[in-house]
Amino acid sequence: LSLSKYVKCAEMKKLMYRIRKNSGLSINNPLTIEQKEISTIRASKTEGCAVCKRNFNFMLRRTCEICQRRVCSSCSEKKLVCVLAPDRRTVLDKKRTFCTMCLCQATESDAVAIAQNEIRELHPQFETQPQDSETTSDALIVETSTRCVN
């Protein structure tokens, strides 16, 4: 793989991690297409874009996959992510919408902390660090939100 493909793969993994965390799913329960459609129904009904605060009069409204807030087309991007097909045997590449705030937070988040959390979820019997390490790695992930403010 080329370097740019590694970067895109890492970005996709971070985005999927954030979607799973915000939807309450563990790594053992991968996101399927049906779960994505259910979560979109829960999207908040705001008057304006959650990022730029402009009204949606005639603008195209989109819902961020991570935070479930409504955003305008200027404040969102479509990214390719992998999801399970309804048969739970095949993986599909799907374009999903993300707000610029969540994209920034995902890009800035610590890949090592995410990997440690995923390993802990898969193998809880193998603690790699002391018990409070989960709060430390979660803090590293959350800390990025302060750098991604408009």
N, C-alpha and C. Protein backbone atom coordinates (compact mmCIF):
# COMPACT_ATOMS: atom_id res chain seq x y z
N LEU A 1 0.83 -1.20 0.00
CA LEU A 1 0.00 0.00 0.00
C LEU A 1 0.87 1.25 0.00
N SER A 2 0.39 2.27 -0.66
CA SER A 2 1.10 3.53 -0.66
C SER A 2 0.82 4.28 0.64
N LEU A 3 1.64 5.27 0.89
CA LEU A 3 1.49 6.05 2.12
C LEU A 3 0.11 6.71 2.20
N SER A 4 -0.37 7.24 1.09
CA SER A 4 -1.68 7.91 1.12
C SER A 4 -2.81 6.93 1.45
N LYS A 5 -2.68 5.67 1.01
CA LYS A 5 -3.70 4.67 1.33
C LYS A 5 -3.66 4.31 2.81
N TYR A 6 -2.46 4.28 3.40
CA TYR A 6 -2.36 4.04 4.84
C TYR A 6 -3.03 5.16 5.62
N VAL A 7 -2.83 6.39 5.17
CA VAL A 7 -3.44 7.54 5.84
C VAL A 7 -4.96 7.46 5.74
N LYS A 8 -5.49 7.15 4.56
CA LYS A 8 -6.94 7.03 4.38
C LYS A 8 -7.50 5.90 5.22
N CYS A 9 -6.78 4.79 5.28
CA CYS A 9 -7.23 3.65 6.09
C CYS A 9 -7.27 4.03 7.57
N ALA A 10 -6.25 4.74 8.03
CA ALA A 10 -6.20 5.18 9.43
C ALA A 10 -7.35 6.14 9.73
N GLU A 11 -7.62 7.05 8.80
CA GLU A 11 -8.72 7.99 8.98
C GLU A 11 -10.05 7.25 9.06
N MET A 12 -10.25 6.27 8.18
CA MET A 12 -11.49 5.49 8.18
C MET A 12 -11.64 4.74 9.50
N LYS A 13 -10.55 4.18 10.00
CA LYS A 13 -10.60 3.44 11.26
C LYS A 13 -10.98 4.36 12.42
N LYS A 14 -10.42 5.57 12.44
CA LYS A 14 -10.75 6.53 13.49
C LYS A 14 -12.21 6.96 13.41
N LEU A 15 -12.70 7.19 12.19
CA LEU A 15 -14.11 7.58 12.02
C LEU A 15 -15.04 6.47 12.49
N MET A 16 -14.75 5.23 12.12
CA MET A 16 -15.59 4.11 12.53
C MET A 16 -15.54 3.91 14.04
N TYR A 17 -14.38 4.14 14.64
CA TYR A 17 -14.26 4.04 16.10
C TYR A 17 -15.18 5.06 16.77
N ARG A 18 -15.17 6.29 16.27
CA ARG A 18 -16.03 7.33 16.86
C ARG A 18 -17.51 7.04 16.65
N ILE A 19 -17.87 6.51 15.48
CA ILE A 19 -19.27 6.14 15.24
C ILE A 19 -19.68 5.06 16.23
N ARG A 20 -18.84 4.04 16.39
CA ARG A 20 -19.16 2.95 17.33
C ARG A 20 -19.28 3.47 18.75
N LYS A 21 -18.35 4.31 19.18
CA LYS A 21 -18.37 4.84 20.55
C LYS A 21 -19.64 5.67 20.80
N ASN A 22 -20.00 6.53 19.86
CA ASN A 22 -21.18 7.38 20.04
C ASN A 22 -22.48 6.61 19.95
N SER A 23 -22.48 5.48 19.25
CA SER A 23 -23.71 4.68 19.15
C SER A 23 -23.80 3.65 20.26
N GLY A 24 -22.75 3.52 21.07
CA GLY A 24 -22.76 2.58 22.18
C GLY A 24 -22.43 1.15 21.79
N LEU A 25 -21.95 0.94 20.56
CA LEU A 25 -21.59 -0.40 20.12
C LEU A 25 -20.16 -0.72 20.50
N SER A 26 -19.90 -1.99 20.76
CA SER A 26 -18.53 -2.41 21.03
C SER A 26 -17.88 -2.84 19.73
N ILE A 27 -16.59 -3.11 19.78
CA ILE A 27 -15.87 -3.55 18.59
C ILE A 27 -16.35 -4.93 18.14
N ASN A 28 -16.92 -5.70 19.06
CA ASN A 28 -17.45 -7.02 18.72
C ASN A 28 -18.76 -6.93 17.94
N ASN A 29 -19.41 -5.78 17.95
CA ASN A 29 -20.65 -5.56 17.20
C ASN A 29 -20.40 -4.52 16.12
N PRO A 30 -19.87 -4.92 14.96
CA PRO A 30 -19.58 -3.93 13.92
C PRO A 30 -20.84 -3.25 13.43
N LEU A 31 -20.70 -2.04 12.98
CA LEU A 31 -21.82 -1.25 12.48
C LEU A 31 -22.34 -1.85 11.18
N THR A 32 -23.63 -2.08 11.12
CA THR A 32 -24.24 -2.59 9.90
C THR A 32 -25.04 -1.48 9.25
N ILE A 33 -25.50 -1.72 8.05
CA ILE A 33 -26.27 -0.71 7.33
C ILE A 33 -27.56 -0.38 8.08
N GLU A 34 -28.24 -1.39 8.64
CA GLU A 34 -29.50 -1.13 9.34
C GLU A 34 -29.29 -0.23 10.55
N GLN A 35 -28.20 -0.45 11.30
CA GLN A 35 -27.94 0.38 12.48
C GLN A 35 -27.68 1.82 12.07
N LYS A 36 -27.07 2.03 10.94
CA LYS A 36 -26.81 3.38 10.44
C LYS A 36 -28.13 4.08 10.17
N GLU A 37 -29.07 3.39 9.54
CA GLU A 37 -30.36 4.01 9.21
C GLU A 37 -31.16 4.34 10.45
N ILE A 38 -31.09 3.50 11.48
CA ILE A 38 -31.80 3.76 12.73
C ILE A 38 -31.21 4.99 13.41
N SER A 39 -29.88 5.11 13.42
CA SER A 39 -29.26 6.24 14.11
C SER A 39 -29.57 7.56 13.40
N THR A 40 -29.78 7.53 12.10
CA THR A 40 -30.11 8.75 11.38
C THR A 40 -31.48 9.28 11.77
N ILE A 41 -32.39 8.40 12.13
CA ILE A 41 -33.73 8.81 12.55
C ILE A 41 -33.66 9.64 13.83
N ARG A 42 -32.66 9.34 14.70
CA ARG A 42 -32.53 10.05 15.97
C ARG A 42 -31.93 11.44 15.81
N ALA A 43 -31.57 11.84 14.62
CA ALA A 43 -30.90 13.12 14.41
C ALA A 43 -31.74 14.27 14.96
N SER A 44 -31.05 15.23 15.53
CA SER A 44 -31.76 16.36 16.13
C SER A 44 -32.37 17.24 15.05
N LYS A 45 -33.47 17.87 15.37
CA LYS A 45 -34.15 18.72 14.41
C LYS A 45 -33.85 20.18 14.76
N THR A 46 -32.66 20.62 14.38
CA THR A 46 -32.27 21.99 14.66
C THR A 46 -32.69 22.90 13.52
N GLU A 47 -32.77 24.18 13.82
CA GLU A 47 -33.17 25.16 12.81
C GLU A 47 -32.03 25.46 11.85
N GLY A 48 -30.80 25.44 12.32
CA GLY A 48 -29.67 25.81 11.48
C GLY A 48 -28.54 24.81 11.58
N CYS A 49 -27.51 25.07 10.81
CA CYS A 49 -26.33 24.21 10.78
C CYS A 49 -25.66 24.21 12.16
N ALA A 50 -25.28 23.04 12.63
CA ALA A 50 -24.66 22.92 13.95
C ALA A 50 -23.26 23.51 13.98
N VAL A 51 -22.63 23.67 12.83
CA VAL A 51 -21.26 24.19 12.78
C VAL A 51 -21.25 25.69 12.53
N CYS A 52 -21.87 26.14 11.43
CA CYS A 52 -21.81 27.56 11.07
C CYS A 52 -23.03 28.36 11.53
N LYS A 53 -24.07 27.68 12.00
CA LYS A 53 -25.29 28.29 12.55
C LYS A 53 -26.19 28.95 11.50
N ARG A 54 -25.86 28.81 10.21
CA ARG A 54 -26.72 29.39 9.17
C ARG A 54 -28.03 28.60 9.09
N ASN A 55 -29.11 29.29 8.71
CA ASN A 55 -30.40 28.62 8.54
C ASN A 55 -30.37 27.73 7.32
N PHE A 56 -31.22 26.72 7.32
CA PHE A 56 -31.26 25.75 6.24
C PHE A 56 -32.23 26.12 5.12
N ASN A 57 -32.71 27.33 5.05
CA ASN A 57 -33.75 27.72 4.10
C ASN A 57 -33.79 26.83 2.86
N PHE A 58 -32.88 27.05 1.93
CA PHE A 58 -32.86 26.24 0.70
C PHE A 58 -31.59 25.39 0.61
N MET A 59 -30.80 25.39 1.65
CA MET A 59 -29.56 24.62 1.62
C MET A 59 -29.84 23.14 1.86
N LEU A 60 -28.95 22.33 1.35
CA LEU A 60 -29.04 20.89 1.53
C LEU A 60 -28.64 20.55 2.97
N ARG A 61 -29.53 19.85 3.66
CA ARG A 61 -29.28 19.43 5.03
C ARG A 61 -28.67 18.04 5.04
N ARG A 62 -27.67 17.85 5.87
CA ARG A 62 -27.06 16.54 6.05
C ARG A 62 -26.95 16.26 7.54
N THR A 63 -26.80 14.99 7.88
CA THR A 63 -26.64 14.60 9.28
C THR A 63 -25.29 13.94 9.45
N CYS A 64 -24.53 14.42 10.41
CA CYS A 64 -23.21 13.85 10.70
C CYS A 64 -23.39 12.45 11.30
N GLU A 65 -22.63 11.50 10.81
CA GLU A 65 -22.71 10.12 11.29
C GLU A 65 -22.23 9.98 12.73
N ILE A 66 -21.34 10.85 13.17
CA ILE A 66 -20.77 10.72 14.51
C ILE A 66 -21.62 11.43 15.55
N CYS A 67 -21.83 12.73 15.38
CA CYS A 67 -22.53 13.51 16.41
C CYS A 67 -24.03 13.59 16.19
N GLN A 68 -24.51 13.14 15.03
CA GLN A 68 -25.94 13.15 14.68
C GLN A 68 -26.54 14.55 14.63
N ARG A 69 -25.70 15.57 14.46
CA ARG A 69 -26.20 16.93 14.31
C ARG A 69 -26.40 17.24 12.84
N ARG A 70 -27.33 18.13 12.56
CA ARG A 70 -27.59 18.53 11.18
C ARG A 70 -26.60 19.62 10.78
N VAL A 71 -26.06 19.44 9.59
CA VAL A 71 -25.07 20.39 9.07
C VAL A 71 -25.37 20.70 7.61
N CYS A 72 -24.89 21.85 7.16
CA CYS A 72 -25.08 22.24 5.76
C CYS A 72 -24.00 21.58 4.91
N SER A 73 -24.16 21.67 3.61
CA SER A 73 -23.21 21.03 2.70
C SER A 73 -21.83 21.67 2.78
N SER A 74 -21.75 22.94 3.16
CA SER A 74 -20.46 23.61 3.30
C SER A 74 -19.68 23.12 4.51
N CYS A 75 -20.38 22.67 5.53
CA CYS A 75 -19.74 22.25 6.78
C CYS A 75 -19.68 20.74 6.92
N SER A 76 -19.80 20.02 5.81
CA SER A 76 -19.76 18.56 5.88
C SER A 76 -18.96 18.00 4.71
N GLU A 77 -18.50 16.78 4.90
CA GLU A 77 -17.78 16.06 3.85
C GLU A 77 -18.26 14.63 3.83
N LYS A 78 -18.24 14.05 2.66
CA LYS A 78 -18.56 12.63 2.54
C LYS A 78 -17.24 11.87 2.52
N LYS A 79 -17.16 10.83 3.35
CA LYS A 79 -15.96 9.99 3.43
C LYS A 79 -16.36 8.54 3.24
N LEU A 80 -15.46 7.78 2.66
CA LEU A 80 -15.68 6.37 2.44
C LEU A 80 -15.38 5.60 3.72
N VAL A 81 -16.33 4.78 4.19
CA VAL A 81 -16.12 3.92 5.35
C VAL A 81 -16.62 2.51 5.02
N CYS A 82 -16.14 1.54 5.76
CA CYS A 82 -16.56 0.15 5.56
C CYS A 82 -17.63 -0.22 6.58
N VAL A 83 -18.70 -0.84 6.11
CA VAL A 83 -19.78 -1.32 6.98
C VAL A 83 -20.13 -2.74 6.59
N LEU A 84 -20.73 -3.46 7.53
CA LEU A 84 -21.18 -4.81 7.23
C LEU A 84 -22.48 -4.78 6.44
N ALA A 85 -22.58 -5.68 5.49
CA ALA A 85 -23.83 -5.84 4.73
C ALA A 85 -24.85 -6.53 5.62
N PRO A 86 -26.14 -6.46 5.27
CA PRO A 86 -27.17 -7.11 6.09
C PRO A 86 -26.92 -8.61 6.31
N ASP A 87 -26.22 -9.27 5.38
CA ASP A 87 -25.94 -10.70 5.56
C ASP A 87 -24.86 -10.96 6.61
N ARG A 88 -24.21 -9.89 7.09
CA ARG A 88 -23.15 -9.95 8.10
C ARG A 88 -21.96 -10.78 7.66
N ARG A 89 -21.80 -10.96 6.35
CA ARG A 89 -20.66 -11.72 5.83
C ARG A 89 -19.79 -10.88 4.90
N THR A 90 -20.36 -9.89 4.31
CA THR A 90 -19.62 -9.06 3.38
C THR A 90 -19.45 -7.65 3.92
N VAL A 91 -18.36 -7.04 3.51
CA VAL A 91 -18.07 -5.67 3.90
C VAL A 91 -18.31 -4.78 2.69
N LEU A 92 -19.03 -3.71 2.92
CA LEU A 92 -19.35 -2.77 1.84
C LEU A 92 -18.67 -1.43 2.10
N ASP A 93 -18.20 -0.82 1.03
CA ASP A 93 -17.67 0.54 1.12
C ASP A 93 -18.84 1.49 0.90
N LYS A 94 -19.07 2.37 1.85
CA LYS A 94 -20.18 3.32 1.76
C LYS A 94 -19.66 4.72 2.04
N LYS A 95 -20.21 5.69 1.33
CA LYS A 95 -19.88 7.09 1.63
C LYS A 95 -20.83 7.58 2.71
N ARG A 96 -20.27 8.15 3.74
CA ARG A 96 -21.04 8.67 4.86
C ARG A 96 -20.70 10.14 5.07
N THR A 97 -21.63 10.88 5.63
CA THR A 97 -21.46 12.31 5.86
C THR A 97 -20.93 12.56 7.26
N PHE A 98 -19.94 13.45 7.35
CA PHE A 98 -19.36 13.85 8.63
C PHE A 98 -19.23 15.36 8.66
N CYS A 99 -19.51 15.95 9.81
CA CYS A 99 -19.33 17.40 9.93
C CYS A 99 -17.83 17.70 10.07
N THR A 100 -17.46 18.92 9.76
CA THR A 100 -16.05 19.28 9.79
C THR A 100 -15.47 19.20 11.20
N MET A 101 -16.30 19.44 12.21
CA MET A 101 -15.82 19.35 13.60
C MET A 101 -15.44 17.91 13.94
N CYS A 102 -16.30 16.96 13.61
CA CYS A 102 -16.02 15.55 13.92
C CYS A 102 -14.85 15.03 13.09
N LEU A 103 -14.74 15.48 11.84
CA LEU A 103 -13.60 15.08 11.02
C LEU A 103 -12.30 15.56 11.63
N CYS A 104 -12.30 16.79 12.09
CA CYS A 104 -11.10 17.34 12.73
C CYS A 104 -10.75 16.57 13.99
N GLN A 105 -11.76 16.30 14.81
CA GLN A 105 -11.52 15.55 16.05
C GLN A 105 -11.00 14.15 15.76
N ALA A 106 -11.56 13.49 14.76
CA ALA A 106 -11.11 12.14 14.41
C ALA A 106 -9.68 12.16 13.89
N THR A 107 -9.37 13.13 13.05
CA THR A 107 -8.02 13.24 12.49
C THR A 107 -7.00 13.50 13.58
N GLU A 108 -7.35 14.34 14.53
CA GLU A 108 -6.42 14.71 15.61
C GLU A 108 -6.34 13.67 16.73
N SER A 109 -7.26 12.72 16.77
CA SER A 109 -7.27 11.77 17.88
C SER A 109 -6.06 10.83 17.81
N ASP A 110 -5.68 10.32 18.95
CA ASP A 110 -4.49 9.48 19.11
C ASP A 110 -4.78 8.05 18.66
N ALA A 111 -4.13 7.63 17.59
CA ALA A 111 -4.36 6.29 17.03
C ALA A 111 -3.93 5.20 18.02
N VAL A 112 -2.88 5.44 18.78
CA VAL A 112 -2.42 4.44 19.76
C VAL A 112 -3.47 4.25 20.85
N ALA A 113 -4.05 5.35 21.33
CA ALA A 113 -5.08 5.25 22.37
C ALA A 113 -6.30 4.50 21.85
N ILE A 114 -6.68 4.76 20.60
CA ILE A 114 -7.81 4.05 20.01
C ILE A 114 -7.51 2.57 19.89
N ALA A 115 -6.30 2.24 19.42
CA ALA A 115 -5.91 0.83 19.28
C ALA A 115 -5.91 0.13 20.64
N GLN A 116 -5.42 0.81 21.67
CA GLN A 116 -5.41 0.22 23.01
C GLN A 116 -6.84 -0.05 23.50
N ASN A 117 -7.74 0.90 23.28
CA ASN A 117 -9.13 0.71 23.68
C ASN A 117 -9.77 -0.46 22.93
N GLU A 118 -9.49 -0.57 21.64
CA GLU A 118 -10.06 -1.67 20.85
C GLU A 118 -9.51 -3.02 21.31
N ILE A 119 -8.23 -3.08 21.62
CA ILE A 119 -7.64 -4.33 22.12
C ILE A 119 -8.27 -4.70 23.45
N ARG A 120 -8.46 -3.71 24.33
CA ARG A 120 -9.09 -3.97 25.62
C ARG A 120 -10.52 -4.48 25.45
N GLU A 121 -11.25 -3.94 24.47
CA GLU A 121 -12.62 -4.40 24.22
C GLU A 121 -12.62 -5.84 23.70
N LEU A 122 -11.68 -6.15 22.82
CA LEU A 122 -11.63 -7.51 22.26
C LEU A 122 -11.14 -8.54 23.27
N HIS A 123 -10.16 -8.14 24.08
CA HIS A 123 -9.54 -9.07 25.04
C HIS A 123 -9.46 -8.43 26.42
N PRO A 124 -10.57 -8.36 27.13
CA PRO A 124 -10.56 -7.69 28.44
C PRO A 124 -9.64 -8.39 29.45
N GLN A 125 -9.33 -9.66 29.23
CA GLN A 125 -8.47 -10.38 30.16
C GLN A 125 -7.01 -9.94 30.04
N PHE A 126 -6.63 -9.30 28.94
CA PHE A 126 -5.25 -8.86 28.74
C PHE A 126 -5.15 -7.37 28.96
N GLU A 127 -5.04 -6.94 30.18
CA GLU A 127 -4.87 -5.52 30.47
C GLU A 127 -3.44 -5.14 30.14
N THR A 128 -3.27 -4.14 29.27
CA THR A 128 -1.93 -3.72 28.88
C THR A 128 -1.34 -2.70 29.85
N GLN A 129 -2.18 -2.00 30.58
CA GLN A 129 -1.74 -0.98 31.51
C GLN A 129 -2.61 -1.07 32.77
N PRO A 130 -2.29 -0.26 33.80
CA PRO A 130 -3.14 -0.26 34.99
C PRO A 130 -4.59 0.07 34.67
N GLN A 131 -5.48 -0.21 35.60
CA GLN A 131 -6.92 -0.08 35.40
C GLN A 131 -7.35 1.31 34.96
N ASP A 132 -6.67 2.36 35.39
CA ASP A 132 -7.08 3.71 35.02
C ASP A 132 -6.61 4.11 33.63
N SER A 133 -6.00 3.20 32.89
CA SER A 133 -5.49 3.54 31.56
C SER A 133 -6.61 3.88 30.59
N GLU A 134 -7.78 3.28 30.77
CA GLU A 134 -8.88 3.57 29.84
C GLU A 134 -9.29 5.03 29.95
N THR A 135 -9.32 5.55 31.15
CA THR A 135 -9.68 6.96 31.28
C THR A 135 -8.59 7.83 30.69
N THR A 136 -7.33 7.40 30.80
CA THR A 136 -6.24 8.16 30.22
C THR A 136 -6.34 8.19 28.71
N SER A 137 -6.56 7.03 28.09
CA SER A 137 -6.64 7.00 26.63
C SER A 137 -7.90 7.68 26.13
N ASP A 138 -9.01 7.56 26.86
CA ASP A 138 -10.21 8.29 26.47
C ASP A 138 -9.98 9.79 26.57
N ALA A 139 -9.22 10.21 27.57
CA ALA A 139 -8.91 11.63 27.71
C ALA A 139 -8.09 12.12 26.53
N LEU A 140 -7.18 11.29 26.02
CA LEU A 140 -6.40 11.66 24.84
C LEU A 140 -7.30 11.83 23.63
N ILE A 141 -8.32 11.01 23.54
CA ILE A 141 -9.24 11.09 22.41
C ILE A 141 -10.12 12.33 22.54
N VAL A 142 -10.61 12.60 23.73
CA VAL A 142 -11.51 13.73 23.96
C VAL A 142 -10.75 15.05 23.90
N GLU A 143 -9.48 15.04 24.31
CA GLU A 143 -8.68 16.25 24.36
C GLU A 143 -8.62 16.95 23.00
N THR A 144 -8.69 16.19 21.93
CA THR A 144 -8.59 16.78 20.59
C THR A 144 -9.75 17.72 20.29
N SER A 145 -10.87 17.57 20.97
CA SER A 145 -12.03 18.42 20.68
C SER A 145 -11.73 19.89 20.98
N THR A 146 -10.83 20.16 21.91
CA THR A 146 -10.52 21.55 22.22
C THR A 146 -9.70 22.21 21.12
N ARG A 147 -8.95 21.42 20.34
CA ARG A 147 -8.15 21.98 19.26
C ARG A 147 -8.96 22.19 17.99
N CYS A 148 -10.11 21.57 17.88
CA CYS A 148 -10.89 21.60 16.64
C CYS A 148 -12.07 22.55 16.71
N VAL A 149 -11.99 23.56 17.52
CA VAL A 149 -13.09 24.51 17.66
C VAL A 149 -12.93 25.59 16.60
N ASN A 150 -14.06 25.98 15.99
CA ASN A 150 -14.01 27.02 14.93
C ASN A 150 -13.54 28.34 15.49
